[in-house]
């Protein structure tokens, strides 16, 4: 099909739940993409943080192909080696207790919510089920994770939402402790609020919340769906905050392009969910897990994580060095960055960058969000920076 035929059929057969850019993507290599008309782009989106090792990664392609030939799916009624291997790597690297595998970030966060509520129910009985999340947070698009999301604009249309959530101001410990009353079983937060605008939390605030939770037997859930798996220069972003969460959720970059999510639980709550209390038909699928093993074997190397940190610092320095009032600031960690611009001009900047062959994302009201593949080369970075310079300085 031609690009126009694909767009026409998309309009005819697919629900319009996305505002798509006017590009039909065809193939990619590393951090470079080509559309159906042969135009080349530097990809600073990685499928919204998913293609962590880039497009067409040979190690992933090889692992996925071999596993697909052996066993594509078995269900969780049986043991499979790829899932067990990925679990061992994550648990060993973090010092946590056990992991549950799901298919997506929203599913991982649903699992974390259920785990926290059951932990409290088993220990304290009914009435201790509130979960405090932060204003400007984002935790998913299911009915429950929408309600967990601390942005009022998402609390529309789909009534009634799941009850049991309270919202506190980010970086305001007093507000969190006030909202975390005797009905509270958990506090859930992202170390960097991605969809909220690439907003990093203050270290003192995060440590204060962790201390409060520990003192009151309130579970601390860290949502690492976007920040995890090397994205911020460490396996998980929480490591840079000096805390030990009770539950950590992940997805996106874990599968390197294939759907997989996970719920890591500390040893203190690792056995809360027994047989029949939770499940997922496709969770830990052998093919997705085979890809995840390649990703983990790569990103868990200290030298790889150091490169991620250095590339992020390089991009930030160069963008802040543009001679342009268009760039107000650059926020973020590692290769999760937000270029802060005038909200009214942001859409125009994104369109001009796309014209110049650079794909970016947005977040919040004023951030141009960058989530490039972690394997992006300095040559690809410089190509993107040259285009940005032209757009922001024009």
Protein backbone atom coordinates (compact mmCIF):
# COMPACT_ATOMS: atom_id res chain seq x y z
CA UNK A 1 0.00 0.00 0.00
CA UNK A 2 1.06 3.58 -0.56
CA UNK A 3 1.29 6.01 2.33
CA UNK A 4 -1.98 7.66 1.30
CA UNK A 5 -3.75 4.29 1.08
CA UNK A 6 -2.55 3.38 4.58
CA UNK A 7 -3.79 6.68 6.01
CA UNK A 8 -7.14 6.32 4.26
CA UNK A 9 -7.66 2.78 5.60
CA UNK A 10 -6.58 3.89 9.08
CA UNK A 11 -9.24 6.59 9.00
CA UNK A 12 -11.84 4.08 7.85
CA UNK A 13 -11.10 1.09 10.10
CA UNK A 14 -9.29 2.27 13.26
CA UNK A 15 -10.82 4.18 16.19
CA UNK A 16 -9.55 7.75 16.27
CA UNK A 17 -8.20 7.71 19.81
CA UNK A 18 -4.86 9.21 18.74
CA UNK A 19 -3.96 12.47 17.05
CA UNK A 20 -1.45 10.99 14.62
CA UNK A 21 1.38 12.89 12.98
CA UNK A 22 1.15 12.85 9.20
CA UNK A 23 3.87 10.20 8.74
CA UNK A 24 3.65 6.53 7.77
CA UNK A 25 6.72 4.90 9.29
CA UNK A 26 8.24 2.01 7.38
CA UNK A 27 11.53 0.85 8.95
CA UNK A 28 14.34 1.89 11.24
CA UNK A 29 17.89 1.23 12.34
CA UNK A 30 19.31 2.38 15.65
CA UNK A 31 17.87 5.82 16.35
CA UNK A 32 17.03 6.51 12.70
CA UNK A 33 13.66 5.96 11.04
CA UNK A 34 12.46 6.09 7.44
CA UNK A 35 8.90 6.76 6.36
CA UNK A 36 7.03 5.08 3.51
CA UNK A 37 8.21 7.81 1.13
CA UNK A 38 11.86 7.28 2.03
CA UNK A 39 12.30 10.39 4.19
CA UNK A 40 14.81 9.96 7.00
CA UNK A 41 14.27 11.01 10.66
CA UNK A 42 16.31 11.04 13.84
CA UNK A 43 14.02 9.34 16.37
CA UNK A 44 13.99 11.10 19.74
CA UNK A 45 10.83 9.26 20.82
CA UNK A 46 11.74 5.53 20.73
CA UNK A 47 8.03 4.71 20.54
CA UNK A 48 7.43 6.74 23.74
CA UNK A 49 10.41 5.23 25.52
CA UNK A 50 9.86 1.64 24.35
CA UNK A 51 12.60 0.93 21.79
CA UNK A 52 15.34 1.24 24.38
CA UNK A 53 17.99 -0.49 22.24
CA UNK A 54 16.87 1.17 19.03
CA UNK A 55 15.21 -0.11 15.89
CA UNK A 56 16.28 -3.36 14.24
CA UNK A 57 18.64 -4.28 17.06
CA UNK A 58 20.40 -7.47 15.84
CA UNK A 59 20.62 -9.09 19.30
CA UNK A 60 16.91 -8.56 19.94
CA UNK A 61 15.93 -9.73 16.45
CA UNK A 62 18.01 -12.87 16.89
CA UNK A 63 16.68 -13.67 20.37
CA UNK A 64 13.06 -13.07 19.36
CA UNK A 65 13.37 -15.12 16.18
CA UNK A 66 14.95 -18.08 17.98
CA UNK A 67 12.34 -17.99 20.74
CA UNK A 68 9.43 -17.66 18.29
CA UNK A 69 10.66 -20.79 16.51
CA UNK A 70 10.79 -22.69 19.83
CA UNK A 71 7.73 -21.48 21.75
CA UNK A 72 5.68 -18.32 21.23
CA UNK A 73 3.24 -18.74 24.10
CA UNK A 74 2.47 -21.22 26.84
CA UNK A 75 0.41 -19.33 29.50
CA UNK A 76 1.42 -19.08 33.12
CA UNK A 77 0.11 -22.55 33.88
CA UNK A 78 3.58 -23.78 32.91
CA UNK A 79 7.19 -22.79 33.53
CA UNK A 80 9.26 -21.14 30.79
CA UNK A 81 12.95 -20.28 30.86
CA UNK A 82 12.96 -16.73 29.38
CA UNK A 83 10.56 -15.41 32.04
CA UNK A 84 12.51 -17.02 34.88
CA UNK A 85 15.80 -15.62 33.56
CA UNK A 86 14.40 -12.08 33.30
CA UNK A 87 12.94 -12.36 36.79
CA UNK A 88 16.24 -13.51 38.26
CA UNK A 89 18.09 -10.58 36.67
CA UNK A 90 15.66 -7.96 37.98
CA UNK A 91 15.34 -9.38 41.48
CA UNK A 92 19.09 -9.90 41.86
CA UNK A 93 19.97 -6.44 40.55
CA UNK A 94 17.53 -4.65 42.86
CA UNK A 95 17.62 -6.81 45.98
CA UNK A 96 13.83 -7.03 45.88
CA UNK A 97 11.84 -10.18 46.65
CA UNK A 98 9.87 -11.36 43.61
CA UNK A 99 8.30 -10.06 40.40
CA UNK A 100 4.99 -10.44 38.61
CA UNK A 101 5.03 -9.99 34.82
CA UNK A 102 2.26 -8.16 32.97
CA UNK A 103 1.93 -6.68 29.47
CA UNK A 104 1.99 -2.92 29.97
CA UNK A 105 2.58 -0.07 32.37
CA UNK A 106 -1.09 0.32 33.20
CA UNK A 107 -1.33 -3.40 34.00
CA UNK A 108 1.80 -3.20 36.14
CA UNK A 109 0.32 -0.30 38.09
CA UNK A 110 -2.99 -2.15 38.48
CA UNK A 111 -1.04 -5.06 39.94
CA UNK A 112 0.81 -2.76 42.33
CA UNK A 113 -2.46 -1.22 43.51
CA UNK A 114 -3.96 -4.66 44.15
CA UNK A 115 -0.83 -5.84 45.94
CA UNK A 116 -0.76 -2.80 48.24
CA UNK A 117 -4.42 -3.10 49.13
CA UNK A 118 -4.20 -6.83 49.82
CA UNK A 119 -1.08 -6.35 51.95
CA UNK A 120 -3.01 -3.89 54.11
CA UNK A 121 -6.19 -5.99 54.15
CA UNK A 122 -4.31 -9.10 55.24
CA UNK A 123 -2.58 -7.21 58.03
CA UNK A 124 -5.17 -4.65 59.19
CA UNK A 125 -8.53 -5.71 57.75
CA UNK A 126 -11.01 -3.49 55.91
CA UNK A 127 -10.93 0.30 55.71
CA UNK A 128 -7.22 0.85 54.99
CA UNK A 129 -7.17 1.08 51.21
CA UNK A 130 -6.51 4.68 50.14
CA UNK A 131 -3.53 5.27 47.85
CA UNK A 132 -2.00 8.75 47.73
CA UNK A 133 -0.64 9.84 44.36
CA UNK A 134 0.83 13.16 43.25
CA UNK A 135 -0.77 15.99 41.35
CA UNK A 136 0.52 16.00 37.74
CA UNK A 137 1.22 12.25 37.91
CA UNK A 138 0.26 9.75 35.23
CA UNK A 139 -0.23 6.04 35.91
CA UNK A 140 -2.20 4.61 32.97
CA UNK A 141 -5.44 4.57 31.02
CA UNK A 142 -7.52 1.83 32.63
CA UNK A 143 -10.44 3.01 34.74
CA UNK A 144 -8.41 2.45 37.92
CA UNK A 145 -5.08 3.89 36.78
CA UNK A 146 -6.86 6.91 35.30
CA UNK A 147 -8.24 7.59 38.77
CA UNK A 148 -4.78 7.06 40.24
CA UNK A 149 -3.50 9.70 37.83
CA UNK A 150 -3.33 13.07 39.58
CA UNK A 151 -4.57 15.16 36.65
CA UNK A 152 -8.21 16.25 36.66
CA UNK A 153 -8.40 16.34 32.86
CA UNK A 154 -8.22 12.54 32.82
CA UNK A 155 -11.16 12.15 35.21
CA UNK A 156 -13.87 12.52 32.59
CA UNK A 157 -16.44 10.48 30.64
CA UNK A 158 -15.84 7.06 32.18
CA UNK A 159 -17.78 7.34 35.43
CA UNK A 160 -17.87 5.77 37.91
CA UNK A 161 -14.14 5.58 38.46
CA UNK A 162 -12.51 3.27 41.00
CA UNK A 163 -12.54 4.91 44.43
CA UNK A 164 -9.76 5.04 47.00
CA UNK A 165 -7.29 7.65 45.75
CA UNK A 166 -6.16 10.97 47.21
CA UNK A 167 -3.90 13.53 45.56
CA UNK A 168 -1.05 15.48 47.14
CA UNK A 169 1.26 18.19 45.84
CA UNK A 170 4.61 17.05 44.50
CA UNK A 171 7.60 18.15 46.60
CA UNK A 172 5.29 19.02 49.53
CA UNK A 173 5.92 16.49 52.29
CA UNK A 174 3.40 18.08 54.64
CA UNK A 175 0.64 17.67 52.06
CA UNK A 176 1.53 14.01 51.47
CA UNK A 177 1.54 13.20 55.18
CA UNK A 178 -1.77 15.04 55.63
CA UNK A 179 -3.42 13.08 52.82
CA UNK A 180 -1.91 9.78 54.01
CA UNK A 181 -4.33 9.38 56.93
CA UNK A 182 -5.36 6.22 58.82
CA UNK A 183 -7.16 4.92 55.69
CA UNK A 184 -3.95 4.99 53.62
CA UNK A 185 -2.19 1.79 52.53
CA UNK A 186 0.28 3.20 49.98
CA UNK A 187 1.88 6.24 48.38
CA UNK A 188 2.53 5.96 44.66
CA UNK A 189 4.82 8.30 42.72
CA UNK A 190 7.09 8.71 39.70
CA UNK A 191 10.61 9.98 40.28
CA UNK A 192 10.14 12.13 37.19
CA UNK A 193 6.58 13.00 36.22
CA UNK A 194 6.84 12.22 32.53
CA UNK A 195 3.41 12.96 31.09
CA UNK A 196 3.05 15.75 33.64
CA UNK A 197 5.85 17.73 31.97
CA UNK A 198 9.17 15.94 32.69
CA UNK A 199 9.13 17.13 36.30
CA UNK A 200 11.81 15.53 38.54
CA UNK A 201 10.96 15.20 42.23
CA UNK A 202 13.24 16.75 44.86
CA UNK A 203 15.53 14.23 46.57
CA UNK A 204 14.72 15.52 50.07
CA UNK A 205 10.99 15.17 49.39
CA UNK A 206 11.32 11.61 48.10
CA UNK A 207 13.44 10.58 51.07
CA UNK A 208 10.97 12.23 53.43
CA UNK A 209 8.07 10.31 51.91
CA UNK A 210 10.03 7.05 52.11
CA UNK A 211 10.81 7.65 55.80
CA UNK A 212 7.17 8.52 56.58
CA UNK A 213 5.91 5.41 54.78
CA UNK A 214 8.34 3.14 56.62
CA UNK A 215 7.39 4.57 60.01
CA UNK A 216 3.67 4.04 59.33
CA UNK A 217 3.76 0.70 57.47
CA UNK A 218 2.48 2.42 54.34
CA UNK A 219 3.84 0.82 51.19
CA UNK A 220 5.87 3.04 48.86
CA UNK A 221 5.11 2.31 45.19
CA UNK A 222 7.51 3.80 42.64
CA UNK A 223 6.16 3.96 39.10
CA UNK A 224 9.19 3.42 36.84
CA UNK A 225 7.21 2.71 33.68
CA UNK A 226 8.87 5.58 31.83
CA UNK A 227 11.93 6.26 34.01
CA UNK A 228 13.16 2.69 34.41
CA UNK A 229 15.39 0.22 32.54
CA UNK A 230 18.36 2.55 32.15
CA UNK A 231 16.42 5.56 30.87
CA UNK A 232 17.72 7.93 33.53
CA UNK A 233 21.30 6.63 33.76
CA UNK A 234 20.64 3.92 36.36
CA UNK A 235 18.64 0.71 36.08
CA UNK A 236 15.82 2.48 37.94
CA UNK A 237 15.60 6.19 38.69
CA UNK A 238 14.81 5.61 42.38
CA UNK A 239 18.40 4.39 42.88
CA UNK A 240 19.55 7.99 42.43
CA UNK A 241 17.26 9.08 45.29
CA UNK A 242 18.72 6.76 47.92
CA UNK A 243 15.47 4.98 48.82
CA UNK A 244 14.26 1.38 49.01
CA UNK A 245 10.69 1.15 47.63
CA UNK A 246 8.29 -1.63 48.60
CA UNK A 247 6.94 -1.96 45.06
CA UNK A 248 8.43 -0.91 41.71
CA UNK A 249 6.50 -1.01 38.45
CA UNK A 250 8.04 -1.09 34.98
CA UNK A 251 7.17 -1.59 31.30
CA UNK A 252 8.05 0.43 28.15
CA UNK A 253 11.81 -0.03 27.67
CA UNK A 254 11.93 -3.46 29.35
CA UNK A 255 10.88 -5.33 26.20
CA UNK A 256 12.96 -3.29 23.77
CA UNK A 257 9.93 -2.99 21.48
CA UNK A 258 7.73 -5.88 22.61
CA UNK A 259 4.97 -5.57 25.23
CA UNK A 260 5.97 -6.53 28.76
CA UNK A 261 5.53 -4.98 32.20
CA UNK A 262 6.45 -5.97 35.71
CA UNK A 263 5.67 -5.48 39.39
CA UNK A 264 8.69 -5.90 41.66
CA UNK A 265 7.85 -6.46 45.31
CA UNK A 266 10.17 -6.23 48.30
CA UNK A 267 10.70 -9.35 50.37
CA UNK A 268 8.26 -8.01 52.98
CA UNK A 269 5.35 -8.15 50.53
CA UNK A 270 6.57 -10.54 47.83
CA UNK A 271 4.20 -13.35 48.84
CA UNK A 272 1.03 -11.29 49.31
CA UNK A 273 -0.48 -12.31 45.97
CA UNK A 274 -1.11 -16.06 46.09
CA UNK A 275 -2.61 -18.35 43.42
CA UNK A 276 -5.90 -17.00 42.09
CA UNK A 277 -5.49 -13.43 43.40
CA UNK A 278 -3.99 -12.03 40.21
CA UNK A 279 -3.07 -13.15 36.71
CA UNK A 280 -2.30 -12.28 33.11
CA UNK A 281 -2.74 -14.56 30.10
CA UNK A 282 0.12 -12.99 28.15
CA UNK A 283 2.22 -11.81 31.11
CA UNK A 284 5.83 -12.98 30.82
CA UNK A 285 5.24 -14.25 27.29
CA UNK A 286 8.36 -16.19 26.19
CA UNK A 287 9.04 -14.02 23.13
CA UNK A 288 8.67 -10.74 25.03
CA UNK A 289 10.76 -12.15 27.88
CA UNK A 290 13.48 -13.23 25.45
CA UNK A 291 13.70 -9.64 24.24
CA UNK A 292 13.69 -8.36 27.83
CA UNK A 293 16.67 -10.56 28.64
CA UNK A 294 18.68 -8.93 25.84
CA UNK A 295 17.70 -5.48 27.11
CA UNK A 296 18.64 -6.30 30.71
CA UNK A 297 21.96 -7.89 29.74
CA UNK A 298 22.78 -4.64 27.92
CA UNK A 299 21.51 -1.87 30.19
CA UNK A 300 22.73 -3.41 33.45
CA UNK A 301 26.36 -2.88 32.43
CA UNK A 302 27.84 0.11 34.33
CA UNK A 303 29.61 1.41 31.23
CA UNK A 304 26.33 1.45 29.30
CA UNK A 305 24.55 3.38 32.04
CA UNK A 306 27.43 5.85 32.20
CA UNK A 307 27.06 6.46 28.45
CA UNK A 308 23.34 7.16 28.89
CA UNK A 309 24.14 9.73 31.57
CA UNK A 310 26.86 11.32 29.43
CA UNK A 311 24.67 11.52 26.31
CA UNK A 312 21.91 13.18 28.31
CA UNK A 313 24.33 15.71 29.78
CA UNK A 314 25.70 16.41 26.28
CA UNK A 315 22.23 17.09 24.85
CA UNK A 316 21.28 19.30 27.78
CA UNK A 317 24.48 21.36 27.55
CA UNK A 318 24.14 21.88 23.80
CA UNK A 319 20.44 22.86 23.95
CA UNK A 320 21.00 25.30 26.82
CA UNK A 321 23.85 26.76 24.76
CA UNK A 322 21.57 27.77 21.88
CA UNK A 323 21.47 31.53 21.41
CA UNK A 324 17.72 31.61 21.63
CA UNK A 325 15.10 32.89 24.09
CA UNK A 326 12.89 30.05 22.82
CA UNK A 327 14.56 27.59 25.21
CA UNK A 328 13.53 28.42 28.78
CA UNK A 329 15.12 25.40 30.49
CA UNK A 330 15.94 21.71 30.11
CA UNK A 331 14.65 19.31 32.77
CA UNK A 332 15.19 15.61 33.38
CA UNK A 333 17.80 12.91 33.95
CA UNK A 334 19.81 10.76 31.58
CA UNK A 335 17.99 10.38 28.26
CA UNK A 336 14.63 11.52 29.63
CA UNK A 337 14.67 15.25 28.95
CA UNK A 338 12.15 18.05 28.59
CA UNK A 339 13.02 21.22 26.65
CA UNK A 340 10.85 23.95 28.15
CA UNK A 341 9.39 26.38 25.64
CA UNK A 342 6.51 28.84 25.26
CA UNK A 343 3.32 26.71 25.37
CA UNK A 344 1.75 28.69 22.53
CA UNK A 345 4.74 28.03 20.24
CA UNK A 346 5.38 24.39 21.15
CA UNK A 347 3.21 22.81 18.44
CA UNK A 348 4.94 24.93 15.82
CA UNK A 349 8.37 23.87 17.04
CA UNK A 350 7.37 20.18 16.93
CA UNK A 351 6.06 20.55 13.38
CA UNK A 352 9.20 22.36 12.20
CA UNK A 353 11.44 19.72 13.77
CA UNK A 354 9.50 17.01 11.97
CA UNK A 355 9.96 18.89 8.69
CA UNK A 356 13.70 18.94 9.39
CA UNK A 357 13.74 15.19 10.07
CA UNK A 358 13.60 15.05 13.87
CA UNK A 359 10.79 13.31 15.78
CA UNK A 360 10.03 14.51 19.31
CA UNK A 361 7.27 14.18 21.90
CA UNK A 362 5.45 16.62 24.15
CA UNK A 363 4.53 16.52 27.84
CA UNK A 364 2.61 18.78 30.18
CA UNK A 365 1.89 22.23 28.77
CA UNK A 366 5.36 23.50 27.91
CA UNK A 367 7.79 20.58 27.46
CA UNK A 368 9.19 19.13 24.25
CA UNK A 369 9.98 15.67 25.55
CA UNK A 370 13.00 13.68 24.37
CA UNK A 371 13.08 9.89 24.91
CA UNK A 372 15.61 8.69 22.31
CA UNK A 373 16.79 5.08 22.08
CA UNK A 374 19.49 4.58 24.71
CA UNK A 375 21.85 3.44 21.94
CA UNK A 376 21.56 6.69 19.99
CA UNK A 377 24.95 7.65 18.55
CA UNK A 378 26.62 11.03 18.92
CA UNK A 379 26.33 11.39 15.14
CA UNK A 380 22.55 11.00 15.38
CA UNK A 381 22.46 13.34 18.39
CA UNK A 382 24.40 16.01 16.49
CA UNK A 383 22.05 15.70 13.51
CA UNK A 384 19.10 16.31 15.82
CA UNK A 385 20.84 19.19 17.60
CA UNK A 386 21.63 20.91 14.31
CA UNK A 387 17.95 20.79 13.38
CA UNK A 388 16.92 22.04 16.83
CA UNK A 389 19.36 24.89 16.63
CA UNK A 390 17.87 25.96 13.33
CA UNK A 391 14.32 25.78 14.68
CA UNK A 392 14.89 27.46 18.03
CA UNK A 393 17.18 30.19 16.73
CA UNK A 394 15.04 31.11 13.73
